[in-house]
PDB file of N, CA and C in Angstrom:
ATOM      1  N   MET A   1     -38.345-155.810 -10.304  1.00  0.00           N
ATOM      2  CA  MET A   1     -37.399-154.727 -10.127  1.00  0.00           C
ATOM      3  C   MET A   1     -38.184-153.446  -9.894  1.00  0.00           C
ATOM      4  N   SER A   2     -37.814-152.713  -8.874  1.00  0.00           N
ATOM      5  CA  SER A   2     -38.519-151.481  -8.572  1.00  0.00           C
ATOM      6  C   SER A   2     -38.170-150.402  -9.581  1.00  0.00           C
ATOM      7  N   ARG A   3     -39.037-149.403  -9.649  1.00  0.00           N
ATOM      8  CA  ARG A   3     -38.830-148.310 -10.589  1.00  0.00           C
ATOM      9  C   ARG A   3     -37.559-147.536 -10.278  1.00  0.00           C
ATOM     10  N   LYS A   4     -37.218-147.411  -9.004  1.00  0.00           N
ATOM     11  CA  LYS A   4     -36.040-146.649  -8.607  1.00  0.00           C
ATOM     12  C   LYS A   4     -34.754-147.336  -9.082  1.00  0.00           C
ATOM     13  N   ASN A   5     -34.758-148.654  -9.085  1.00  0.00           N
ATOM     14  CA  ASN A   5     -33.565-149.399  -9.461  1.00  0.00           C
ATOM     15  C   ASN A   5     -33.440-149.607 -10.967  1.00  0.00           C
ATOM     16  N   LYS A   6     -34.514-149.449 -11.674  1.00  0.00           N
ATOM     17  CA  LYS A   6     -34.516-149.700 -13.107  1.00  0.00           C
ATOM     18  C   LYS A   6     -33.862-148.532 -13.839  1.00  0.00           C
ATOM     19  N   LYS A   7     -32.874-148.849 -14.648  1.00  0.00           N
ATOM     20  CA  LYS A   7     -32.188-147.803 -15.407  1.00  0.00           C
ATOM     21  C   LYS A   7     -32.704-147.829 -16.840  1.00  0.00           C
ATOM     22  N   THR A   8     -33.411-146.793 -17.192  1.00  0.00           N
ATOM     23  CA  THR A   8     -33.914-146.667 -18.561  1.00  0.00           C
ATOM     24  C   THR A   8     -33.628-145.265 -19.065  1.00  0.00           C
ATOM     25  N   LEU A   9     -33.581-145.147 -20.351  1.00  0.00           N
ATOM     26  CA  LEU A   9     -33.445-143.836 -20.949  1.00  0.00           C
ATOM     27  C   LEU A   9     -34.820-143.245 -21.126  1.00  0.00           C
ATOM     28  N   GLU A  10     -35.035-142.088 -20.559  1.00  0.00           N
ATOM     29  CA  GLU A  10     -36.324-141.421 -20.714  1.00  0.00           C
ATOM     30  C   GLU A  10     -36.156-140.282 -21.700  1.00  0.00           C
ATOM     31  N   ARG A  11     -37.163-140.092 -22.516  1.00  0.00           N
ATOM     32  CA  ARG A  11     -37.128-138.994 -23.462  1.00  0.00           C
ATOM     33  C   ARG A  11     -38.484-138.298 -23.433  1.00  0.00           C
ATOM     34  N   LYS A  12     -38.462-137.043 -23.768  1.00  0.00           N
ATOM     35  CA  LYS A  12     -39.698-136.291 -23.847  1.00  0.00           C
ATOM     36  C   LYS A  12     -40.402-136.651 -25.156  1.00  0.00           C
ATOM     37  N   ILE A  13     -41.712-136.683 -25.074  1.00  0.00           N
ATOM     38  CA  ILE A  13     -42.495-136.987 -26.262  1.00  0.00           C
ATOM     39  C   ILE A  13     -42.558-135.731 -27.136  1.00  0.00           C
ATOM     40  N   GLU A  14     -42.437-135.923 -28.410  1.00  0.00           N
ATOM     41  CA  GLU A  14     -42.510-134.807 -29.366  1.00  0.00           C
ATOM     42  C   GLU A  14     -43.957-134.347 -29.509  1.00  0.00           C
ATOM     43  N   PHE A  15     -44.131-133.086 -29.880  1.00  0.00           N
ATOM     44  CA  PHE A  15     -45.469-132.526 -30.028  1.00  0.00           C
ATOM     45  C   PHE A  15     -46.308-133.309 -31.029  1.00  0.00           C
ATOM     46  N   ASN A  16     -45.726-133.682 -32.171  1.00  0.00           N
ATOM     47  CA  ASN A  16     -46.491-134.405 -33.181  1.00  0.00           C
ATOM     48  C   ASN A  16     -46.878-135.806 -32.687  1.00  0.00           C
ATOM     49  N   GLU A  17     -46.065-136.400 -31.827  1.00  0.00           N
ATOM     50  CA  GLU A  17     -46.418-137.698 -31.243  1.00  0.00           C
ATOM     51  C   GLU A  17     -47.587-137.546 -30.269  1.00  0.00           C
ATOM     52  N   LEU A  18     -47.534-136.493 -29.463  1.00  0.00           N
ATOM     53  CA  LEU A  18     -48.624-136.220 -28.529  1.00  0.00           C
ATOM     54  C   LEU A  18     -49.921-135.953 -29.276  1.00  0.00           C
ATOM     55  N   LYS A  19     -49.851-135.171 -30.336  1.00  0.00           N
ATOM     56  CA  LYS A  19     -51.040-134.868 -31.134  1.00  0.00           C
ATOM     57  C   LYS A  19     -51.618-136.148 -31.738  1.00  0.00           C
ATOM     58  N   SER A  20     -50.775-137.037 -32.214  1.00  0.00           N
ATOM     59  CA  SER A  20     -51.242-138.310 -32.783  1.00  0.00           C
ATOM     60  C   SER A  20     -51.960-139.153 -31.733  1.00  0.00           C
ATOM     61  N   ILE A  21     -51.422-139.169 -30.531  1.00  0.00           N
ATOM     62  CA  ILE A  21     -52.045-139.935 -29.455  1.00  0.00           C
ATOM     63  C   ILE A  21     -53.407-139.341 -29.110  1.00  0.00           C
ATOM     64  N   LEU A  22     -53.461-138.002 -28.976  1.00  0.00           N
ATOM     65  CA  LEU A  22     -54.722-137.339 -28.638  1.00  0.00           C
ATOM     66  C   LEU A  22     -55.764-137.515 -29.748  1.00  0.00           C
ATOM     67  N   ASP A  23     -55.305-137.534 -30.995  1.00  0.00           N
ATOM     68  CA  ASP A  23     -56.232-137.722 -32.119  1.00  0.00           C
ATOM     69  C   ASP A  23     -56.867-139.106 -32.116  1.00  0.00           C
ATOM     70  N   CYS A  24     -56.207-140.079 -31.482  1.00  0.00           N
ATOM     71  CA  CYS A  24     -56.740-141.446 -31.424  1.00  0.00           C
ATOM     72  C   CYS A  24     -57.854-141.575 -30.390  1.00  0.00           C
ATOM     73  N   CYS A  25     -57.944-140.627 -29.473  1.00  0.00           N
ATOM     74  CA  CYS A  25     -58.985-140.673 -28.456  1.00  0.00           C
ATOM     75  C   CYS A  25     -60.317-140.319 -29.096  1.00  0.00           C
ATOM     76  N   GLY A  26     -61.341-141.004 -28.701  1.00  0.00           N
ATOM     77  CA  GLY A  26     -62.672-140.752 -29.256  1.00  0.00           C
ATOM     78  C   GLY A  26     -63.282-139.475 -28.693  1.00  0.00           C
ATOM     79  N   GLU A  27     -64.462-139.157 -29.187  1.00  0.00           N
ATOM     80  CA  GLU A  27     -65.173-137.956 -28.720  1.00  0.00           C
ATOM     81  C   GLU A  27     -66.236-138.311 -27.678  1.00  0.00           C
ATOM     82  N   ASP A  28     -66.332-139.581 -27.303  1.00  0.00           N
ATOM     83  CA  ASP A  28     -67.280-139.976 -26.263  1.00  0.00           C
ATOM     84  C   ASP A  28     -66.694-139.654 -24.894  1.00  0.00           C
ATOM     85  N   GLU A  29     -67.398-140.011 -23.840  1.00  0.00           N
ATOM     86  CA  GLU A  29     -66.957-139.678 -22.480  1.00  0.00           C
ATOM     87  C   GLU A  29     -65.595-140.291 -22.157  1.00  0.00           C
ATOM     88  N   LYS A  30     -65.357-141.542 -22.566  1.00  0.00           N
ATOM     89  CA  LYS A  30     -64.084-142.188 -22.282  1.00  0.00           C
ATOM     90  C   LYS A  30     -62.954-141.525 -23.050  1.00  0.00           C
ATOM     91  N   GLY A  31     -63.218-141.117 -24.272  1.00  0.00           N
ATOM     92  CA  GLY A  31     -62.206-140.429 -25.059  1.00  0.00           C
ATOM     93  C   GLY A  31     -61.832-139.097 -24.458  1.00  0.00           C
ATOM     94  N   LYS A  32     -62.842-138.361 -23.982  1.00  0.00           N
ATOM     95  CA  LYS A  32     -62.581-137.071 -23.326  1.00  0.00           C
ATOM     96  C   LYS A  32     -61.793-137.285 -22.044  1.00  0.00           C
ATOM     97  N   ARG A  33     -62.145-138.318 -21.286  1.00  0.00           N
ATOM     98  CA  ARG A  33     -61.404-138.637 -20.072  1.00  0.00           C
ATOM     99  C   ARG A  33     -59.943-138.942 -20.387  1.00  0.00           C
ATOM    100  N   ASP A  34     -59.745-139.761 -21.421  1.00  0.00           N
ATOM    101  CA  ASP A  34     -58.386-140.144 -21.820  1.00  0.00           C
ATOM    102  C   ASP A  34     -57.577-138.932 -22.235  1.00  0.00           C
ATOM    103  N   LYS A  35     -58.181-138.012 -22.980  1.00  0.00           N
ATOM    104  CA  LYS A  35     -57.475-136.796 -23.396  1.00  0.00           C
ATOM    105  C   LYS A  35     -57.031-135.974 -22.187  1.00  0.00           C
ATOM    106  N   ILE A  36     -57.917-135.850 -21.205  1.00  0.00           N
ATOM    107  CA  ILE A  36     -57.576-135.088 -20.002  1.00  0.00           C
ATOM    108  C   ILE A  36     -56.419-135.742 -19.274  1.00  0.00           C
ATOM    109  N   ILE A  37     -56.450-137.058 -19.132  1.00  0.00           N
ATOM    110  CA  ILE A  37     -55.377-137.767 -18.445  1.00  0.00           C
ATOM    111  C   ILE A  37     -54.052-137.598 -19.184  1.00  0.00           C
ATOM    112  N   ILE A  38     -54.078-137.750 -20.506  1.00  0.00           N
ATOM    113  CA  ILE A  38     -52.859-137.617 -21.305  1.00  0.00           C
ATOM    114  C   ILE A  38     -52.305-136.200 -21.212  1.00  0.00           C
ATOM    115  N   LYS A  39     -53.186-135.199 -21.276  1.00  0.00           N
ATOM    116  CA  LYS A  39     -52.744-133.805 -21.156  1.00  0.00           C
ATOM    117  C   LYS A  39     -52.168-133.528 -19.781  1.00  0.00           C
ATOM    118  N   LEU A  40     -52.779-134.055 -18.729  1.00  0.00           N
ATOM    119  CA  LEU A  40     -52.238-133.875 -17.387  1.00  0.00           C
ATOM    120  C   LEU A  40     -50.848-134.491 -17.271  1.00  0.00           C
ATOM    121  N   LEU A  41     -50.700-135.681 -17.825  1.00  0.00           N
ATOM    122  CA  LEU A  41     -49.397-136.348 -17.789  1.00  0.00           C
ATOM    123  C   LEU A  41     -48.346-135.533 -18.507  1.00  0.00           C
ATOM    124  N   SER A  42     -48.682-135.033 -19.687  1.00  0.00           N
ATOM    125  CA  SER A  42     -47.678-134.350 -20.495  1.00  0.00           C
ATOM    126  C   SER A  42     -47.413-132.909 -20.063  1.00  0.00           C
ATOM    127  N   GLU A  43     -48.414-132.225 -19.562  1.00  0.00           N
ATOM    128  CA  GLU A  43     -48.248-130.808 -19.265  1.00  0.00           C
ATOM    129  C   GLU A  43     -47.840-130.519 -17.825  1.00  0.00           C
ATOM    130  N   THR A  44     -48.105-131.444 -16.910  1.00  0.00           N
ATOM    131  CA  THR A  44     -47.791-131.180 -15.508  1.00  0.00           C
ATOM    132  C   THR A  44     -46.662-132.027 -14.974  1.00  0.00           C
ATOM    133  N   GLY A  45     -46.352-133.126 -15.637  1.00  0.00           N
ATOM    134  CA  GLY A  45     -45.329-134.020 -15.142  1.00  0.00           C
ATOM    135  C   GLY A  45     -45.833-134.923 -14.017  1.00  0.00           C
ATOM    136  N   MET A  46     -47.147-134.902 -13.799  1.00  0.00           N
ATOM    137  CA  MET A  46     -47.707-135.781 -12.777  1.00  0.00           C
ATOM    138  C   MET A  46     -47.492-137.245 -13.176  1.00  0.00           C
ATOM    139  N   GLN A  47     -47.455-138.096 -12.187  1.00  0.00           N
ATOM    140  CA  GLN A  47     -47.407-139.517 -12.452  1.00  0.00           C
ATOM    141  C   GLN A  47     -48.824-140.044 -12.491  1.00  0.00           C
ATOM    142  N   ILE A  48     -49.011-141.163 -13.181  1.00  0.00           N
ATOM    143  CA  ILE A  48     -50.361-141.713 -13.343  1.00  0.00           C
ATOM    144  C   ILE A  48     -51.009-142.004 -11.992  1.00  0.00           C
ATOM    145  N   THR A  49     -50.241-142.433 -11.014  1.00  0.00           N
ATOM    146  CA  THR A  49     -50.823-142.712  -9.696  1.00  0.00           C
ATOM    147  C   THR A  49     -51.338-141.448  -9.030  1.00  0.00           C
ATOM    148  N   GLU A  50     -50.678-140.325  -9.263  1.00  0.00           N
ATOM    149  CA  GLU A  50     -51.159-139.050  -8.709  1.00  0.00           C
ATOM    150  C   GLU A  50     -52.473-138.651  -9.360  1.00  0.00           C
ATOM    151  N   ILE A  51     -52.596-138.862 -10.652  1.00  0.00           N
ATOM    152  CA  ILE A  51     -53.830-138.518 -11.347  1.00  0.00           C
ATOM    153  C   ILE A  51     -54.968-139.424 -10.910  1.00  0.00           C
ATOM    154  N   LEU A  52     -54.681-140.706 -10.752  1.00  0.00           N
ATOM    155  CA  LEU A  52     -55.717-141.650 -10.343  1.00  0.00           C
ATOM    156  C   LEU A  52     -56.200-141.379  -8.923  1.00  0.00           C
ATOM    157  N   ASN A  53     -55.368-140.744  -8.110  1.00  0.00           N
ATOM    158  CA  ASN A  53     -55.755-140.433  -6.745  1.00  0.00           C
ATOM    159  C   ASN A  53     -56.526-139.119  -6.614  1.00  0.00           C
ATOM    160  N   LEU A  54     -56.662-138.366  -7.689  1.00  0.00           N
ATOM    161  CA  LEU A  54     -57.463-137.143  -7.646  1.00  0.00           C
ATOM    162  C   LEU A  54     -58.920-137.504  -7.390  1.00  0.00           C
ATOM    163  N   LYS A  55     -59.567-136.737  -6.604  1.00  0.00           N
ATOM    164  CA  LYS A  55     -60.973-136.993  -6.283  1.00  0.00           C
ATOM    165  C   LYS A  55     -61.846-136.008  -7.053  1.00  0.00           C
ATOM    166  N   PHE A  56     -62.868-136.524  -7.697  1.00  0.00           N
ATOM    167  CA  PHE A  56     -63.772-135.693  -8.496  1.00  0.00           C
ATOM    168  C   PHE A  56     -64.441-134.620  -7.651  1.00  0.00           C
ATOM    169  N   LEU A  57     -64.789-134.942  -6.431  1.00  0.00           N
ATOM    170  CA  LEU A  57     -65.490-133.974  -5.604  1.00  0.00           C
ATOM    171  C   LEU A  57     -64.640-132.744  -5.317  1.00  0.00           C
ATOM    172  N   LYS A  58     -63.325-132.879  -5.313  1.00  0.00           N
ATOM    173  CA  LYS A  58     -62.457-131.735  -5.098  1.00  0.00           C
ATOM    174  C   LYS A  58     -62.587-130.746  -6.255  1.00  0.00           C
ATOM    175  N   TRP A  59     -62.870-131.262  -7.440  1.00  0.00           N
ATOM    176  CA  TRP A  59     -62.935-130.426  -8.639  1.00  0.00           C
ATOM    177  C   TRP A  59     -64.347-129.943  -8.924  1.00  0.00           C
ATOM    178  N   LYS A  60     -65.360-130.651  -8.455  1.00  0.00           N
ATOM    179  CA  LYS A  60     -66.738-130.335  -8.796  1.00  0.00           C
ATOM    180  C   LYS A  60     -67.096-128.900  -8.404  1.00  0.00           C
ATOM    181  N   LYS A  61     -66.726-128.469  -7.215  1.00  0.00           N
ATOM    182  CA  LYS A  61     -67.046-127.119  -6.761  1.00  0.00           C
ATOM    183  C   LYS A  61     -66.334-126.082  -7.627  1.00  0.00           C
ATOM    184  N   LYS A  62     -65.102-126.340  -7.969  1.00  0.00           N
ATOM    185  CA  LYS A  62     -64.339-125.394  -8.779  1.00  0.00           C
ATOM    186  C   LYS A  62     -64.923-125.260 -10.177  1.00  0.00           C
ATOM    187  N   ILE A  63     -65.438-126.352 -10.716  1.00  0.00           N
ATOM    188  CA  ILE A  63     -65.990-126.320 -12.068  1.00  0.00           C
ATOM    189  C   ILE A  63     -67.283-125.508 -12.103  1.00  0.00           C
ATOM    190  N   THR A  64     -68.099-125.572 -11.046  1.00  0.00           N
ATOM    191  CA  THR A  64     -69.381-124.889 -11.059  1.00  0.00           C
ATOM    192  C   THR A  64     -69.271-123.413 -10.701  1.00  0.00           C
ATOM    193  N   GLU A  65     -68.139-122.988 -10.157  1.00  0.00           N
ATOM    194  CA  GLU A  65     -67.975-121.572  -9.813  1.00  0.00           C
ATOM    195  C   GLU A  65     -67.715-120.756 -11.069  1.00  0.00           C
ATOM    196  N   PRO A  66     -68.204-119.517 -11.124  1.00  0.00           N
ATOM    197  CA  PRO A  66     -67.951-118.669 -12.277  1.00  0.00           C
ATOM    198  C   PRO A  66     -66.453-118.386 -12.455  1.00  0.00           C
ATOM    199  N   LEU A  67     -66.025-118.298 -13.668  1.00  0.00           N
ATOM    200  CA  LEU A  67     -64.597-118.072 -13.963  1.00  0.00           C
ATOM    201  C   LEU A  67     -64.358-116.592 -14.224  1.00  0.00           C
ATOM    202  N   LEU A  68     -64.485-115.766 -13.221  1.00  0.00           N
ATOM    203  CA  LEU A  68     -64.268-114.309 -13.370  1.00  0.00           C
ATOM    204  C   LEU A  68     -62.979-113.887 -12.758  1.00  0.00           C
TER     205      LEU A  68
END
């Protein structure tokens, strides 16, 4: 069944639930990656496929530029 045809009740995640999920992420590289993905999902409304399609090289230049 496609996502468009599937009827489910969607609810927003509560802040304390989000904090619990983020607290489960480790402090290693994978944990930091997971936190970023979870924050992008919750704060921007992006879908996971949109996040997975982001290219690191698009962000690399922006990260190295001074934030003035």
